[in-house]
Amino acid sequence: MTTSVEPTPATMRASVMTGVRTLEIEDRPVPAPGPHQVLVEVAAVGVCGSDVHYYRHGRIGDFVVDAPMILGHELSGRIAAVGDGVDAGRIGQRVAVEPQHPCRRCKQCTAGRYNLCPDMEFYATPPIDGAFCRYVLTDDDMAHPVPDSMSDDAAALLEPLSVAIATMRKAHVVPGTSILIAGAGPIGVICAQAARAFGASRIVVTDLLASRREKALQFGATEVLDPAAVDVTAIEPVDAFVDATGVPVAVVSGIKAVGPAGHVVLVGMGADEYALPVSHIANNEITVTGVFRYTDTWPAAIHLVASGAVDLDGMVTGRYDLEHVGEALDSDTDPESLKSIVVPS
């Protein structure tokens, strides 16, 4: 049984990817929440690099878009209806959605690593639809309440902030840590903010574009470098390195800048394989790992934004409606663009 205060419409508009660089507005049925699910009326959706990659290339690694799919997985909204087992008092509540549906029974889930669930259903990852539409379903515990002081845009961007929080945890960032971040795009800038919030005292960000380096300084970097002009391997060694580019030369240079017992976290999407400086890694006992989404990060993300430690609203540089999702997806070609938001009204 579905419980709602106001009747929900039978259909909704959605921006659907029907092919590479092809989007169509379609009428889709509004789904009904099942047991322990909520129906969320979407307020804001951030544009992610993975959305852009699917749009331009039709795939990311083994994930191939071979049927019409709705993109978008960074979202906030309001609970419009609830299914059985969910408190009806949640209707009307503003929430940020953690866009994951793990099985909750496999070895990874029961070990607390639900982000690695082999049966994960993740928004906007084939064949699961995303949130460039008016309504979405999610598990009730994946709809995180947000304070009224937080904007819809910021609540949506708790998702990329969650990636940054997971990254800082893997990078072992604590007060006094020095960290190098390659790339001053959206994830690099959010990682710089998260590093500052975690107490890092030295935050070095590299990027080829001067405008992006300036953005990084505005959002937490203590120093910035042009990797085309400066030998990154020659800087004072850092405790941690985060790659937010996926560019092999940036990864290799960053690893070489890490001192003994340091940590490397690979976040950027790039080549499937490339050579690494194994002797430097082995001789300095450097830990190299990746980050794949997140686990239990929304409470921390909400606190960091609500407390003012992280500014997500300031990162928004463009807002688009459903008819202009293509422009939102291509907005990253503008070096002044940092984070675009789709409002599916």
Protein backbone atom coordinates (compact mmCIF):
# COMPACT_ATOMS: atom_id res chain seq x y z
CA MET A 1 0.00 0.00 0.00
CA THR A 2 1.21 3.50 -0.86
CA THR A 3 0.62 6.42 1.49
CA SER A 4 0.69 10.02 0.29
CA VAL A 5 -0.84 13.30 1.43
CA GLU A 6 -1.56 14.59 -2.07
CA PRO A 7 -2.32 12.41 -5.11
CA THR A 8 0.74 11.93 -7.29
CA PRO A 9 0.33 12.23 -11.05
CA ALA A 10 0.15 9.11 -13.19
CA THR A 11 2.94 10.25 -15.52
CA MET A 12 6.01 12.45 -15.41
CA ARG A 13 8.42 14.05 -17.86
CA ALA A 14 11.91 12.60 -18.15
CA SER A 15 15.04 13.37 -20.15
CA VAL A 16 15.99 10.01 -21.66
CA MET A 17 19.28 9.13 -23.32
CA THR A 18 18.30 7.15 -26.43
CA GLY A 19 21.76 7.03 -28.02
CA VAL A 20 25.20 8.63 -27.92
CA ARG A 21 24.66 12.41 -27.66
CA THR A 22 20.93 11.87 -28.13
CA LEU A 23 18.31 12.89 -25.54
CA GLU A 24 14.53 12.89 -25.79
CA ILE A 25 11.81 14.17 -23.46
CA GLU A 26 9.43 11.31 -22.71
CA ASP A 27 6.38 10.77 -20.57
CA ARG A 28 7.09 7.98 -18.12
CA PRO A 29 4.77 6.40 -15.51
CA VAL A 30 5.31 7.62 -11.96
CA PRO A 31 6.47 4.57 -9.97
CA ALA A 32 4.71 3.47 -6.79
CA PRO A 33 6.83 2.82 -3.70
CA GLY A 34 7.00 -0.76 -2.47
CA PRO A 35 7.73 -1.94 1.07
CA HIS A 36 10.44 0.16 2.77
CA GLN A 37 10.61 2.52 -0.21
CA VAL A 38 9.83 6.20 -0.64
CA LEU A 39 8.82 8.19 -3.70
CA VAL A 40 10.91 11.35 -3.98
CA GLU A 41 9.82 14.40 -5.95
CA VAL A 42 13.14 15.55 -7.39
CA ALA A 43 14.21 19.12 -6.70
CA ALA A 44 17.78 19.28 -8.04
CA VAL A 45 20.22 16.97 -9.80
CA GLY A 46 23.94 17.57 -10.17
CA VAL A 47 25.70 16.69 -13.42
CA CYS A 48 28.51 14.19 -12.84
CA GLY A 49 31.45 13.23 -15.02
CA SER A 50 30.01 9.73 -15.35
CA ASP A 51 26.78 11.19 -16.81
CA VAL A 52 28.89 13.09 -19.33
CA HIS A 53 30.92 9.98 -20.19
CA TYR A 54 27.81 7.89 -20.83
CA TYR A 55 26.30 10.70 -22.91
CA ARG A 56 29.38 11.12 -25.10
CA HIS A 57 30.64 7.55 -25.33
CA GLY A 58 27.73 5.27 -24.42
CA ARG A 59 29.77 3.31 -21.91
CA ILE A 60 32.17 3.39 -18.98
CA GLY A 61 34.35 0.28 -18.99
CA ASP A 62 32.09 -2.75 -18.78
CA PHE A 63 28.98 -0.63 -18.18
CA VAL A 64 27.33 -0.15 -21.59
CA VAL A 65 24.18 1.86 -22.34
CA ASP A 66 22.39 -0.52 -24.72
CA ALA A 67 18.82 0.66 -24.06
CA PRO A 68 17.14 4.03 -23.35
CA MET A 69 18.22 5.26 -19.91
CA ILE A 70 17.68 8.29 -17.69
CA LEU A 71 20.95 9.85 -16.51
CA GLY A 72 21.62 11.69 -13.23
CA HIS A 73 22.46 10.36 -9.77
CA GLU A 74 23.30 13.40 -7.61
CA LEU A 75 19.92 14.44 -6.27
CA SER A 76 17.76 15.99 -3.62
CA GLY A 77 14.02 16.35 -3.28
CA ARG A 78 10.96 15.90 -1.12
CA ILE A 79 9.27 12.67 -0.07
CA ALA A 80 5.92 12.56 -1.86
CA ALA A 81 4.72 9.07 -0.86
CA VAL A 82 5.84 6.10 1.21
CA GLY A 83 5.41 2.35 0.95
CA ASP A 84 4.55 -0.20 3.62
CA GLY A 85 6.86 -0.16 6.62
CA VAL A 86 7.74 3.53 6.29
CA ASP A 87 6.48 6.18 8.72
CA ALA A 88 3.89 8.30 6.91
CA GLY A 89 5.23 11.25 8.89
CA ARG A 90 8.14 11.34 6.46
CA ILE A 91 5.88 12.62 3.68
CA GLY A 92 6.92 16.17 2.84
CA GLN A 93 10.40 15.72 4.32
CA ARG A 94 13.30 17.24 2.37
CA VAL A 95 15.96 14.65 1.63
CA ALA A 96 19.24 13.98 -0.12
CA VAL A 97 19.21 10.65 -1.90
CA GLU A 98 22.05 8.15 -1.67
CA PRO A 99 21.60 6.59 -5.12
CA GLN A 100 22.40 3.00 -4.19
CA HIS A 101 20.30 -0.14 -3.76
CA PRO A 102 22.55 -2.94 -2.45
CA CYS A 103 21.31 -6.48 -1.90
CA ARG A 104 22.16 -6.24 1.85
CA ARG A 105 22.82 -10.01 2.02
CA CYS A 106 26.08 -10.72 0.17
CA LYS A 107 29.55 -10.97 1.73
CA GLN A 108 30.43 -7.36 0.90
CA CYS A 109 27.16 -5.98 2.26
CA THR A 110 27.33 -7.93 5.52
CA ALA A 111 30.95 -6.85 5.95
CA GLY A 112 29.86 -3.21 5.77
CA ARG A 113 31.18 -2.62 2.26
CA TYR A 114 27.82 -2.29 0.55
CA ASN A 115 29.34 -0.04 -2.13
CA LEU A 116 31.06 -3.18 -3.46
CA CYS A 117 27.87 -5.25 -3.60
CA PRO A 118 28.05 -7.33 -6.82
CA ASP A 119 24.28 -6.96 -7.25
CA MET A 120 24.23 -3.20 -6.66
CA GLU A 121 21.58 -1.20 -8.47
CA PHE A 122 22.97 2.32 -8.84
CA TYR A 123 21.14 5.26 -10.37
CA ALA A 124 22.13 6.04 -13.99
CA THR A 125 24.32 2.94 -14.29
CA PRO A 126 23.01 0.58 -16.98
CA PRO A 127 20.33 -0.65 -16.87
CA ILE A 128 19.08 1.43 -13.89
CA ASP A 129 17.40 4.76 -14.61
CA GLY A 130 18.61 7.92 -12.91
CA ALA A 131 17.05 11.18 -11.79
CA PHE A 132 16.72 13.56 -14.76
CA CYS A 133 12.96 13.21 -14.21
CA ARG A 134 10.28 14.37 -11.79
CA TYR A 135 9.99 11.37 -9.43
CA VAL A 136 12.29 8.55 -8.32
CA LEU A 137 12.08 5.61 -5.95
CA THR A 138 14.65 4.84 -3.29
CA ASP A 139 14.99 2.73 -0.16
CA ASP A 140 13.74 4.67 2.85
CA ASP A 141 17.12 4.55 4.60
CA MET A 142 18.83 5.95 1.49
CA ALA A 143 16.70 9.13 1.70
CA HIS A 144 18.65 11.22 4.20
CA PRO A 145 16.84 14.15 5.89
CA VAL A 146 18.54 17.51 5.42
CA PRO A 147 18.10 20.69 7.48
CA ASP A 148 15.99 23.56 6.15
CA SER A 149 19.12 25.72 6.14
CA MET A 150 20.55 23.59 3.31
CA SER A 151 19.57 24.44 -0.26
CA ASP A 152 18.27 21.84 -2.71
CA ASP A 153 21.41 22.34 -4.82
CA ALA A 154 23.73 21.68 -1.87
CA ALA A 155 21.68 18.67 -0.80
CA ALA A 156 22.08 17.20 -4.29
CA LEU A 157 25.83 17.79 -4.21
CA LEU A 158 26.19 15.78 -1.00
CA GLU A 159 26.73 12.89 -3.43
CA PRO A 160 30.05 14.10 -4.89
CA LEU A 161 31.00 15.32 -1.42
CA SER A 162 30.46 11.73 -0.28
CA VAL A 163 33.02 10.62 -2.87
CA ALA A 164 35.45 13.15 -1.40
CA ILE A 165 34.76 11.98 2.16
CA ALA A 166 35.37 8.36 1.17
CA THR A 167 38.58 9.53 -0.52
CA MET A 168 39.83 11.41 2.54
CA ARG A 169 39.18 8.39 4.72
CA LYS A 170 41.16 6.16 2.36
CA ALA A 171 43.91 8.78 2.16
CA HIS A 172 44.15 8.79 5.98
CA VAL A 173 43.82 12.58 6.10
CA VAL A 174 43.96 13.89 9.67
CA PRO A 175 44.85 17.28 11.17
CA GLY A 176 48.29 18.29 9.93
CA THR A 177 48.29 16.05 6.85
CA SER A 178 49.85 17.29 3.60
CA ILE A 179 48.02 16.28 0.43
CA LEU A 180 48.46 16.67 -3.31
CA ILE A 181 45.37 16.66 -5.55
CA ALA A 182 45.72 16.35 -9.32
CA GLY A 183 42.89 18.09 -11.16
CA ALA A 184 40.82 21.13 -10.19
CA GLY A 185 37.56 20.02 -11.75
CA PRO A 186 34.47 19.44 -9.61
CA ILE A 187 35.80 16.36 -7.79
CA GLY A 188 39.26 17.86 -7.30
CA VAL A 189 37.79 21.04 -5.82
CA ILE A 190 35.39 19.13 -3.57
CA CYS A 191 38.32 16.95 -2.45
CA ALA A 192 40.26 20.11 -1.59
CA GLN A 193 37.35 21.31 0.52
CA ALA A 194 37.04 17.92 2.21
CA ALA A 195 40.79 17.82 2.90
CA ARG A 196 40.57 21.22 4.59
CA ALA A 197 37.55 20.06 6.62
CA PHE A 198 39.46 16.94 7.69
CA GLY A 199 42.29 19.13 8.98
CA ALA A 200 44.91 18.96 6.24
CA SER A 201 47.42 21.76 6.72
CA ARG A 202 48.95 21.71 3.24
CA ILE A 203 46.69 21.21 0.23
CA VAL A 204 48.45 21.37 -3.13
CA VAL A 205 46.25 21.26 -6.25
CA THR A 206 47.53 20.94 -9.81
CA ASP A 207 45.72 21.82 -13.03
CA LEU A 208 46.72 22.92 -16.51
CA LEU A 209 44.16 25.75 -16.56
CA ALA A 210 44.87 28.94 -14.62
CA SER A 211 41.15 29.61 -14.08
CA ARG A 212 40.69 26.24 -12.42
CA ARG A 213 43.76 26.72 -10.26
CA GLU A 214 42.21 30.00 -9.09
CA LYS A 215 38.97 28.16 -8.24
CA ALA A 216 40.95 25.65 -6.20
CA LEU A 217 42.48 28.48 -4.15
CA GLN A 218 38.99 29.82 -3.46
CA PHE A 219 37.83 26.43 -2.20
CA GLY A 220 40.55 25.23 0.14
CA ALA A 221 43.87 24.79 -1.65
CA THR A 222 46.85 26.33 0.12
CA GLU A 223 48.92 26.31 -3.06
CA VAL A 224 48.39 25.50 -6.74
CA LEU A 225 50.75 24.35 -9.47
CA ASP A 226 50.75 24.19 -13.26
CA PRO A 227 52.05 20.66 -13.96
CA ALA A 228 53.21 21.78 -17.41
CA ALA A 229 55.51 24.37 -15.84
CA VAL A 230 56.54 22.73 -12.56
CA ASP A 231 58.03 19.28 -11.92
CA VAL A 232 55.48 17.86 -9.50
CA THR A 233 57.88 15.09 -8.46
CA ALA A 234 60.28 17.73 -7.11
CA ILE A 235 57.93 19.31 -4.57
CA GLU A 236 58.30 18.68 -0.87
CA PRO A 237 56.95 15.13 -0.37
CA VAL A 238 53.33 14.85 0.72
CA ASP A 239 51.57 12.39 2.99
CA ALA A 240 48.79 11.67 0.51
CA PHE A 241 48.01 11.99 -3.18
CA VAL A 242 44.57 12.01 -4.80
CA ASP A 243 44.19 11.76 -8.55
CA ALA A 244 41.04 13.39 -9.90
CA THR A 245 42.11 13.38 -13.56
CA GLY A 246 42.55 9.80 -14.74
CA VAL A 247 45.57 11.00 -16.76
CA PRO A 248 48.46 8.50 -16.52
CA VAL A 249 51.24 11.11 -16.37
CA ALA A 250 49.43 12.91 -13.54
CA VAL A 251 49.03 9.66 -11.61
CA VAL A 252 52.68 8.68 -11.98
CA SER A 253 53.96 12.14 -11.04
CA GLY A 254 51.64 12.28 -8.06
CA ILE A 255 52.77 8.92 -6.73
CA LYS A 256 56.41 10.01 -7.00
CA ALA A 257 55.57 13.09 -4.89
CA VAL A 258 54.37 10.91 -1.98
CA GLY A 259 56.75 10.33 0.91
CA PRO A 260 57.37 7.15 2.93
CA ALA A 261 54.29 5.33 4.27
CA GLY A 262 52.03 7.66 2.31
CA HIS A 263 48.69 6.94 0.69
CA VAL A 264 47.49 7.24 -2.90
CA VAL A 265 43.81 7.25 -3.87
CA LEU A 266 42.78 7.01 -7.53
CA VAL A 267 39.45 8.74 -8.15
CA GLY A 268 39.58 9.96 -11.76
CA MET A 269 38.29 7.89 -14.67
CA GLY A 270 41.01 7.24 -17.24
CA ALA A 271 42.90 4.48 -18.99
CA ASP A 272 42.20 0.91 -17.88
CA GLU A 273 45.90 0.10 -17.61
CA TYR A 274 49.20 2.00 -17.44
CA ALA A 275 52.65 1.64 -15.91
CA LEU A 276 53.23 2.68 -12.31
CA PRO A 277 56.49 3.55 -10.49
CA VAL A 278 56.57 0.23 -8.64
CA SER A 279 60.03 0.67 -7.12
CA HIS A 280 59.01 3.99 -5.53
CA ILE A 281 55.82 2.43 -4.22
CA ALA A 282 57.57 -0.64 -2.81
CA ASN A 283 60.64 1.07 -1.40
CA ASN A 284 58.53 3.68 0.40
CA GLU A 285 55.71 1.32 1.45
CA ILE A 286 53.14 3.52 -0.24
CA THR A 287 49.55 2.29 -0.22
CA VAL A 288 47.77 2.66 -3.55
CA THR A 289 44.01 2.15 -3.74
CA GLY A 290 40.93 3.25 -5.61
CA VAL A 291 37.66 4.66 -4.40
CA PHE A 292 34.39 3.23 -5.70
CA ARG A 293 31.46 5.34 -4.59
CA TYR A 294 31.03 5.41 -0.78
CA THR A 295 29.69 3.75 2.35
CA ASP A 296 28.01 5.57 5.25
CA THR A 297 29.12 9.05 4.21
CA TRP A 298 25.89 11.08 4.15
CA PRO A 299 25.81 11.87 7.90
CA ALA A 300 29.33 13.30 7.67
CA ALA A 301 28.53 15.17 4.44
CA ILE A 302 25.41 16.74 5.94
CA HIS A 303 27.38 17.86 9.01
CA LEU A 304 30.22 19.38 6.97
CA VAL A 305 27.82 21.46 4.86
CA ALA A 306 25.45 22.42 7.69
CA SER A 307 28.41 23.53 9.84
CA GLY A 308 29.85 25.67 7.05
CA ALA A 309 33.04 23.62 6.75
CA VAL A 310 32.26 22.86 3.08
CA ASP A 311 30.62 25.24 0.61
CA LEU A 312 28.65 23.44 -2.11
CA ASP A 313 26.35 26.29 -3.18
CA GLY A 314 29.35 28.33 -4.26
CA MET A 315 30.36 25.61 -6.70
CA VAL A 316 27.16 25.86 -8.75
CA THR A 317 27.87 27.68 -12.00
CA GLY A 318 24.82 26.77 -14.10
CA ARG A 319 21.21 25.60 -13.77
CA TYR A 320 19.19 23.90 -16.53
CA ASP A 321 15.71 22.47 -17.09
CA LEU A 322 14.88 19.10 -18.63
CA GLU A 323 14.76 20.55 -22.15
CA HIS A 324 18.39 21.66 -21.81
CA VAL A 325 20.01 18.61 -20.23
CA GLY A 326 22.28 18.30 -23.28
CA GLU A 327 23.66 21.77 -22.58
CA ALA A 328 24.17 20.84 -18.93
CA LEU A 329 26.11 17.73 -19.96
CA ASP A 330 28.30 19.78 -22.31
CA SER A 331 28.87 22.61 -19.83
CA ASP A 332 32.19 21.09 -18.77
CA THR A 333 33.70 22.34 -22.04
CA ASP A 334 33.57 25.84 -20.53
CA PRO A 335 36.64 26.27 -18.30
CA GLU A 336 34.63 28.63 -16.09
CA SER A 337 32.02 25.94 -15.39
CA LEU A 338 32.42 24.01 -12.17
CA LYS A 339 29.14 22.33 -11.26
CA SER A 340 25.89 22.28 -13.23
CA ILE A 341 22.45 21.54 -11.80
CA VAL A 342 19.38 20.19 -13.58
CA VAL A 343 16.00 21.21 -12.14
CA PRO A 344 13.40 18.75 -13.47
CA SER A 345 10.32 20.98 -13.11
